[in-house]
């Protein structure tokens, strides 16, 4: 992974300030005006388009907001992909947590720690699967493939370590950006952080799907 490239690519675009300002404004409206479920579609779609551009080596890698229809569609489908993975993980994790909560043979401390551990594991699994689903959707535009966890893991299993590394890196980066932004400008900083993450995901897709065969061949094989 080229982290330096991901951190700097936005500033190499001649219109980077306008593109980042629009995305940051959408984030701001989502945070402080209660419009997250509307603006989130567009910011997620922008995120997906960055992944696609990096994967295809399209220039500029930072999409223009004039591609609003593509951004909306990618964001809407991407949101559905993430929602379906949330439901899949919840269906598995929720009964386990309920069973643990009703287990009277465990001490309160061990019960609490076990439930917390299961919940954290669920969040990690959800984060990995939903982001892998987004990567597959961004590169293949195959919705059925993107929501198939077995197929997604089969296509990307060699790069799970890289993906987890990216998630840890961007979690730290976004934490710094959030607190550094003193809340009021954090939405703008975090939009840039999301663009960095999307670029890294695009790099993963480029390496993962071009190492042996294009994603189109992988899709056909499914």
C-alpha atoms as a PDB file:
ATOM      1  CA  UNK A   1       0.000   0.000   0.000  1.00  0.00           C
ATOM      2  CA  UNK A   2       1.220   3.471  -0.875  1.00  0.00           C
ATOM      3  CA  UNK A   3       0.035   5.507   2.109  1.00  0.00           C
ATOM      4  CA  UNK A   4       1.903   8.632   1.010  1.00  0.00           C
ATOM      5  CA  UNK A   5       0.062   8.607  -2.326  1.00  0.00           C
ATOM      6  CA  UNK A   6      -3.297   8.195  -0.585  1.00  0.00           C
ATOM      7  CA  UNK A   7      -2.562  11.096   1.766  1.00  0.00           C
ATOM      8  CA  UNK A   8      -1.480  13.443  -1.025  1.00  0.00           C
ATOM      9  CA  UNK A   9      -3.613  12.547  -4.061  1.00  0.00           C
ATOM     10  CA  UNK A  10      -6.422  14.983  -3.250  1.00  0.00           C
ATOM     11  CA  UNK A  11      -4.047  17.963  -3.333  1.00  0.00           C
ATOM     12  CA  UNK A  12      -2.788  17.021  -6.801  1.00  0.00           C
ATOM     13  CA  UNK A  13      -6.224  17.788  -8.275  1.00  0.00           C
ATOM     14  CA  UNK A  14      -6.547  21.378  -9.502  1.00  0.00           C
ATOM     15  CA  UNK A  15     -10.122  21.532  -8.165  1.00  0.00           C
ATOM     16  CA  UNK A  16      -9.411  19.728  -4.903  1.00  0.00           C
ATOM     17  CA  UNK A  17     -10.523  22.607  -2.685  1.00  0.00           C
ATOM     18  CA  UNK A  18     -13.945  22.883  -4.336  1.00  0.00           C
ATOM     19  CA  UNK A  19     -14.477  19.108  -4.370  1.00  0.00           C
ATOM     20  CA  UNK A  20     -13.468  18.726  -0.725  1.00  0.00           C
ATOM     21  CA  UNK A  21     -15.535  21.759   0.315  1.00  0.00           C
ATOM     22  CA  UNK A  22     -18.696  20.344  -1.285  1.00  0.00           C
ATOM     23  CA  UNK A  23     -18.173  16.955   0.355  1.00  0.00           C
ATOM     24  CA  UNK A  24     -17.388  18.588   3.688  1.00  0.00           C
ATOM     25  CA  UNK A  25     -20.521  20.742   3.427  1.00  0.00           C
ATOM     26  CA  UNK A  26     -22.608  17.612   2.855  1.00  0.00           C
ATOM     27  CA  UNK A  27     -21.005  16.027   5.915  1.00  0.00           C
ATOM     28  CA  UNK A  28     -21.685  19.209   7.895  1.00  0.00           C
ATOM     29  CA  UNK A  29     -25.354  19.200   6.868  1.00  0.00           C
ATOM     30  CA  UNK A  30     -25.610  15.534   7.798  1.00  0.00           C
ATOM     31  CA  UNK A  31     -24.100  16.083  11.232  1.00  0.00           C
ATOM     32  CA  UNK A  32     -25.648  19.335  12.364  1.00  0.00           C
ATOM     33  CA  UNK A  33     -28.907  19.513  10.396  1.00  0.00           C
ATOM     34  CA  UNK A  34     -30.046  15.906  10.842  1.00  0.00           C
ATOM     35  CA  UNK A  35     -29.776  15.120   7.138  1.00  0.00           C
ATOM     36  CA  UNK A  36     -27.315  12.247   7.433  1.00  0.00           C
ATOM     37  CA  UNK A  37     -29.503   9.666   5.672  1.00  0.00           C
ATOM     38  CA  UNK A  38     -29.806  12.017   2.691  1.00  0.00           C
ATOM     39  CA  UNK A  39     -26.315  13.510   2.494  1.00  0.00           C
ATOM     40  CA  UNK A  40     -24.754  10.173   3.445  1.00  0.00           C
ATOM     41  CA  UNK A  41     -25.901   8.667   0.147  1.00  0.00           C
ATOM     42  CA  UNK A  42     -23.889  11.251  -1.778  1.00  0.00           C
ATOM     43  CA  UNK A  43     -20.754  11.105   0.383  1.00  0.00           C
ATOM     44  CA  UNK A  44     -20.773   7.294   0.267  1.00  0.00           C
ATOM     45  CA  UNK A  45     -21.274   7.393  -3.510  1.00  0.00           C
ATOM     46  CA  UNK A  46     -18.295   9.741  -3.815  1.00  0.00           C
ATOM     47  CA  UNK A  47     -16.267   7.305  -1.709  1.00  0.00           C
ATOM     48  CA  UNK A  48     -17.244   4.428  -4.048  1.00  0.00           C
ATOM     49  CA  UNK A  49     -16.305   6.450  -7.148  1.00  0.00           C
ATOM     50  CA  UNK A  50     -12.841   7.140  -5.736  1.00  0.00           C
ATOM     51  CA  UNK A  51     -12.330   3.398  -5.231  1.00  0.00           C
ATOM     52  CA  UNK A  52     -13.436   2.776  -8.818  1.00  0.00           C
ATOM     53  CA  UNK A  53     -11.207   5.517 -10.254  1.00  0.00           C
ATOM     54  CA  UNK A  54      -8.115   4.305  -8.397  1.00  0.00           C
ATOM     55  CA  UNK A  55      -8.813   0.700  -9.405  1.00  0.00           C
ATOM     56  CA  UNK A  56      -9.161   1.681 -13.078  1.00  0.00           C
ATOM     57  CA  UNK A  57      -6.275   4.201 -12.962  1.00  0.00           C
ATOM     58  CA  UNK A  58      -8.715   6.915 -14.078  1.00  0.00           C
ATOM     59  CA  UNK A  59      -7.489  10.505 -13.843  1.00  0.00           C
ATOM     60  CA  UNK A  60      -8.339  12.591 -11.974  1.00  0.00           C
ATOM     61  CA  UNK A  61      -8.880  10.103  -9.186  1.00  0.00           C
ATOM     62  CA  UNK A  62     -10.983  12.644  -7.309  1.00  0.00           C
ATOM     63  CA  UNK A  63     -14.409  12.648  -9.024  1.00  0.00           C
ATOM     64  CA  UNK A  64     -16.177  15.842  -9.996  1.00  0.00           C
ATOM     65  CA  UNK A  65     -19.503  16.584  -8.340  1.00  0.00           C
ATOM     66  CA  UNK A  66     -21.006  17.013 -11.811  1.00  0.00           C
ATOM     67  CA  UNK A  67     -21.184  13.176 -11.846  1.00  0.00           C
ATOM     68  CA  UNK A  68     -24.086  13.498  -9.420  1.00  0.00           C
ATOM     69  CA  UNK A  69     -26.260  10.732 -10.905  1.00  0.00           C
ATOM     70  CA  UNK A  70     -23.439   8.161 -10.713  1.00  0.00           C
ATOM     71  CA  UNK A  71     -22.591   9.355  -7.206  1.00  0.00           C
ATOM     72  CA  UNK A  72     -26.222   8.964  -6.092  1.00  0.00           C
ATOM     73  CA  UNK A  73     -26.618   5.469  -7.572  1.00  0.00           C
ATOM     74  CA  UNK A  74     -23.307   4.234  -6.143  1.00  0.00           C
ATOM     75  CA  UNK A  75     -24.176   5.723  -2.763  1.00  0.00           C
ATOM     76  CA  UNK A  76     -27.652   4.224  -2.700  1.00  0.00           C
ATOM     77  CA  UNK A  77     -26.475   0.748  -3.713  1.00  0.00           C
ATOM     78  CA  UNK A  78     -23.449   1.016  -1.426  1.00  0.00           C
ATOM     79  CA  UNK A  79     -25.751   1.876   1.473  1.00  0.00           C
ATOM     80  CA  UNK A  80     -27.914  -1.158   0.715  1.00  0.00           C
ATOM     81  CA  UNK A  81     -24.790  -3.360   0.618  1.00  0.00           C
ATOM     82  CA  UNK A  82     -23.713  -2.069   4.039  1.00  0.00           C
ATOM     83  CA  UNK A  83     -27.241  -2.475   5.463  1.00  0.00           C
ATOM     84  CA  UNK A  84     -27.469  -6.084   4.287  1.00  0.00           C
ATOM     85  CA  UNK A  85     -24.111  -6.933   5.866  1.00  0.00           C
ATOM     86  CA  UNK A  86     -25.276  -5.260   9.083  1.00  0.00           C
ATOM     87  CA  UNK A  87     -28.365  -7.475   9.098  1.00  0.00           C
ATOM     88  CA  UNK A  88     -26.302 -10.613   8.377  1.00  0.00           C
ATOM     89  CA  UNK A  89     -23.951  -9.922  11.285  1.00  0.00           C
ATOM     90  CA  UNK A  90     -26.808  -8.873  13.593  1.00  0.00           C
ATOM     91  CA  UNK A  91     -28.716 -12.096  12.901  1.00  0.00           C
ATOM     92  CA  UNK A  92     -25.691 -14.085  14.083  1.00  0.00           C
ATOM     93  CA  UNK A  93     -24.435 -11.876  16.919  1.00  0.00           C
ATOM     94  CA  UNK A  94     -27.720 -10.827  18.567  1.00  0.00           C
ATOM     95  CA  UNK A  95     -28.853 -14.338  19.670  1.00  0.00           C
ATOM     96  CA  UNK A  96     -25.383 -14.985  21.104  1.00  0.00           C
ATOM     97  CA  UNK A  97     -25.491 -11.763  23.140  1.00  0.00           C
ATOM     98  CA  UNK A  98     -29.038 -12.491  24.357  1.00  0.00           C
ATOM     99  CA  UNK A  99     -28.018 -16.017  25.384  1.00  0.00           C
ATOM    100  CA  UNK A 100     -25.010 -14.671  27.279  1.00  0.00           C
ATOM    101  CA  UNK A 101     -27.112 -11.985  28.969  1.00  0.00           C
ATOM    102  CA  UNK A 102     -29.570 -14.632  30.223  1.00  0.00           C
ATOM    103  CA  UNK A 103     -26.845 -16.973  31.472  1.00  0.00           C
ATOM    104  CA  UNK A 104     -27.138 -16.872  35.275  1.00  0.00           C
ATOM    105  CA  UNK A 105     -24.204 -19.238  35.795  1.00  0.00           C
ATOM    106  CA  UNK A 106     -21.674 -16.525  34.873  1.00  0.00           C
ATOM    107  CA  UNK A 107     -20.467 -13.786  37.191  1.00  0.00           C
ATOM    108  CA  UNK A 108     -21.450 -10.229  36.309  1.00  0.00           C
ATOM    109  CA  UNK A 109     -17.866  -9.342  35.419  1.00  0.00           C
ATOM    110  CA  UNK A 110     -17.226 -12.315  33.149  1.00  0.00           C
ATOM    111  CA  UNK A 111     -20.674 -11.915  31.610  1.00  0.00           C
ATOM    112  CA  UNK A 112     -20.033  -8.245  30.845  1.00  0.00           C
ATOM    113  CA  UNK A 113     -16.571  -8.902  29.427  1.00  0.00           C
ATOM    114  CA  UNK A 114     -17.822 -11.761  27.262  1.00  0.00           C
ATOM    115  CA  UNK A 115     -20.719  -9.730  25.875  1.00  0.00           C
ATOM    116  CA  UNK A 116     -18.403  -6.797  25.189  1.00  0.00           C
ATOM    117  CA  UNK A 117     -15.933  -9.102  23.422  1.00  0.00           C
ATOM    118  CA  UNK A 118     -18.659 -10.595  21.228  1.00  0.00           C
ATOM    119  CA  UNK A 119     -19.946  -7.108  20.393  1.00  0.00           C
ATOM    120  CA  UNK A 120     -16.457  -5.882  19.450  1.00  0.00           C
ATOM    121  CA  UNK A 121     -15.914  -8.989  17.321  1.00  0.00           C
ATOM    122  CA  UNK A 122     -19.224  -8.297  15.586  1.00  0.00           C
ATOM    123  CA  UNK A 123     -18.203  -4.712  14.838  1.00  0.00           C
ATOM    124  CA  UNK A 124     -14.872  -5.879  13.387  1.00  0.00           C
ATOM    125  CA  UNK A 125     -16.538  -8.533  11.209  1.00  0.00           C
ATOM    126  CA  UNK A 126     -19.144  -6.010  10.047  1.00  0.00           C
ATOM    127  CA  UNK A 127     -16.501  -3.422   9.208  1.00  0.00           C
ATOM    128  CA  UNK A 128     -14.432  -5.909   7.197  1.00  0.00           C
ATOM    129  CA  UNK A 129     -17.342  -7.478   5.303  1.00  0.00           C
ATOM    130  CA  UNK A 130     -19.183  -4.232   4.538  1.00  0.00           C
ATOM    131  CA  UNK A 131     -16.043  -2.542   3.223  1.00  0.00           C
ATOM    132  CA  UNK A 132     -15.125  -5.595   1.155  1.00  0.00           C
ATOM    133  CA  UNK A 133     -18.651  -5.502  -0.250  1.00  0.00           C
ATOM    134  CA  UNK A 134     -18.187  -1.833  -1.170  1.00  0.00           C
ATOM    135  CA  UNK A 135     -14.872  -2.588  -2.868  1.00  0.00           C
ATOM    136  CA  UNK A 136     -16.415  -5.385  -4.932  1.00  0.00           C
ATOM    137  CA  UNK A 137     -19.392  -3.186  -5.852  1.00  0.00           C
ATOM    138  CA  UNK A 138     -17.104  -0.296  -6.834  1.00  0.00           C
ATOM    139  CA  UNK A 139     -14.985  -2.476  -9.099  1.00  0.00           C
ATOM    140  CA  UNK A 140     -17.550  -4.863 -10.571  1.00  0.00           C
ATOM    141  CA  UNK A 141     -20.940  -3.107 -10.289  1.00  0.00           C
ATOM    142  CA  UNK A 142     -22.273  -6.606  -9.567  1.00  0.00           C
ATOM    143  CA  UNK A 143     -24.738  -6.215  -6.692  1.00  0.00           C
ATOM    144  CA  UNK A 144     -25.351  -9.943  -6.204  1.00  0.00           C
ATOM    145  CA  UNK A 145     -21.622 -10.601  -5.909  1.00  0.00           C
ATOM    146  CA  UNK A 146     -21.087  -7.645  -3.572  1.00  0.00           C
ATOM    147  CA  UNK A 147     -23.632  -8.951  -1.029  1.00  0.00           C
ATOM    148  CA  UNK A 148     -22.376 -12.544  -1.119  1.00  0.00           C
ATOM    149  CA  UNK A 149     -19.972 -12.796   1.861  1.00  0.00           C
ATOM    150  CA  UNK A 150     -18.554 -16.162   0.780  1.00  0.00           C
ATOM    151  CA  UNK A 151     -17.806 -14.958  -2.752  1.00  0.00           C
ATOM    152  CA  UNK A 152     -16.398 -11.655  -1.476  1.00  0.00           C
ATOM    153  CA  UNK A 153     -14.057 -13.415   0.958  1.00  0.00           C
ATOM    154  CA  UNK A 154     -13.046 -15.885  -1.743  1.00  0.00           C
ATOM    155  CA  UNK A 155     -12.036 -13.017  -4.036  1.00  0.00           C
ATOM    156  CA  UNK A 156     -10.210 -10.978  -1.394  1.00  0.00           C
ATOM    157  CA  UNK A 157      -8.934 -13.413   1.256  1.00  0.00           C
ATOM    158  CA  UNK A 158      -5.271 -12.792   0.412  1.00  0.00           C
ATOM    159  CA  UNK A 159      -5.718  -9.094   1.220  1.00  0.00           C
ATOM    160  CA  UNK A 160      -7.663  -9.260   4.474  1.00  0.00           C
ATOM    161  CA  UNK A 161      -4.547  -8.266   6.418  1.00  0.00           C
ATOM    162  CA  UNK A 162      -4.063  -5.217   4.201  1.00  0.00           C
ATOM    163  CA  UNK A 163      -7.707  -4.217   4.626  1.00  0.00           C
ATOM    164  CA  UNK A 164      -7.565  -4.523   8.408  1.00  0.00           C
ATOM    165  CA  UNK A 165      -4.353  -2.474   8.384  1.00  0.00           C
ATOM    166  CA  UNK A 166      -6.118   0.248   6.376  1.00  0.00           C
ATOM    167  CA  UNK A 167      -9.071   0.248   8.780  1.00  0.00           C
ATOM    168  CA  UNK A 168      -6.749   0.640  11.781  1.00  0.00           C
ATOM    169  CA  UNK A 169      -4.729   3.379  10.037  1.00  0.00           C
ATOM    170  CA  UNK A 170      -7.800   5.369   9.007  1.00  0.00           C
ATOM    171  CA  UNK A 171      -9.422   4.918  12.436  1.00  0.00           C
ATOM    172  CA  UNK A 172      -6.381   6.586  14.000  1.00  0.00           C
ATOM    173  CA  UNK A 173      -6.275   9.235  11.257  1.00  0.00           C
ATOM    174  CA  UNK A 174      -9.978  10.048  11.595  1.00  0.00           C
ATOM    175  CA  UNK A 175      -9.720  10.205  15.389  1.00  0.00           C
ATOM    176  CA  UNK A 176      -6.986  12.820  15.025  1.00  0.00           C
ATOM    177  CA  UNK A 177      -9.011  14.707  12.406  1.00  0.00           C
ATOM    178  CA  UNK A 178     -12.161  14.618  14.554  1.00  0.00           C
ATOM    179  CA  UNK A 179     -10.546  16.021  17.680  1.00  0.00           C
ATOM    180  CA  UNK A 180      -8.303  18.357  15.678  1.00  0.00           C
ATOM    181  CA  UNK A 181     -11.339  19.806  13.943  1.00  0.00           C
ATOM    182  CA  UNK A 182     -12.890  20.856  17.270  1.00  0.00           C
ATOM    183  CA  UNK A 183     -16.276  19.527  16.111  1.00  0.00           C
ATOM    184  CA  UNK A 184     -17.254  22.497  13.944  1.00  0.00           C
ATOM    185  CA  UNK A 185     -14.833  21.756  11.074  1.00  0.00           C
ATOM    186  CA  UNK A 186     -14.505  18.034  11.762  1.00  0.00           C
ATOM    187  CA  UNK A 187     -17.004  17.119   8.988  1.00  0.00           C
ATOM    188  CA  UNK A 188     -14.681  18.718   6.424  1.00  0.00           C
ATOM    189  CA  UNK A 189     -11.576  17.030   7.823  1.00  0.00           C
ATOM    190  CA  UNK A 190     -13.333  13.663   8.020  1.00  0.00           C
ATOM    191  CA  UNK A 191     -14.484  13.895   4.410  1.00  0.00           C
ATOM    192  CA  UNK A 192     -10.825  14.174   3.434  1.00  0.00           C
ATOM    193  CA  UNK A 193     -10.070  11.200   5.722  1.00  0.00           C
ATOM    194  CA  UNK A 194     -12.758   9.174   3.927  1.00  0.00           C
ATOM    195  CA  UNK A 195     -11.169  10.073   0.574  1.00  0.00           C
ATOM    196  CA  UNK A 196      -7.815   8.787   1.863  1.00  0.00           C
ATOM    197  CA  UNK A 197      -9.453   5.524   2.951  1.00  0.00           C
ATOM    198  CA  UNK A 198     -11.205   5.159  -0.409  1.00  0.00           C
ATOM    199  CA  UNK A 199      -7.901   5.615  -2.234  1.00  0.00           C
ATOM    200  CA  UNK A 200      -6.307   2.885  -0.123  1.00  0.00           C
ATOM    201  CA  UNK A 201      -9.260   0.588  -0.832  1.00  0.00           C
ATOM    202  CA  UNK A 202      -8.805   1.306  -4.547  1.00  0.00           C
ATOM    203  CA  UNK A 203      -5.162   0.268  -4.247  1.00  0.00           C
ATOM    204  CA  UNK A 204      -6.225  -2.986  -2.579  1.00  0.00           C
ATOM    205  CA  UNK A 205      -8.706  -3.637  -5.390  1.00  0.00           C
ATOM    206  CA  UNK A 206      -6.082  -2.899  -8.040  1.00  0.00           C
ATOM    207  CA  UNK A 207      -3.641  -5.367  -6.498  1.00  0.00           C
ATOM    208  CA  UNK A 208      -6.232  -7.969  -5.560  1.00  0.00           C
ATOM    209  CA  UNK A 209      -8.115  -8.170  -8.839  1.00  0.00           C
ATOM    210  CA  UNK A 210      -5.238  -7.588 -11.256  1.00  0.00           C
ATOM    211  CA  UNK A 211      -2.790  -9.993  -9.656  1.00  0.00           C
ATOM    212  CA  UNK A 212      -4.221 -13.005 -11.448  1.00  0.00           C
ATOM    213  CA  UNK A 213      -7.217 -11.906 -13.499  1.00  0.00           C
ATOM    214  CA  UNK A 214      -9.516  -8.899 -13.854  1.00  0.00           C
ATOM    215  CA  UNK A 215     -12.565  -8.663 -11.652  1.00  0.00           C
ATOM    216  CA  UNK A 216     -14.709  -9.359 -14.715  1.00  0.00           C
ATOM    217  CA  UNK A 217     -13.246 -12.862 -14.903  1.00  0.00           C
ATOM    218  CA  UNK A 218     -13.801 -13.338 -11.189  1.00  0.00           C
ATOM    219  CA  UNK A 219     -17.404 -12.272 -11.570  1.00  0.00           C
ATOM    220  CA  UNK A 220     -17.899 -14.631 -14.506  1.00  0.00           C
ATOM    221  CA  UNK A 221     -16.453 -17.477 -12.461  1.00  0.00           C
ATOM    222  CA  UNK A 222     -19.108 -16.929  -9.805  1.00  0.00           C
END
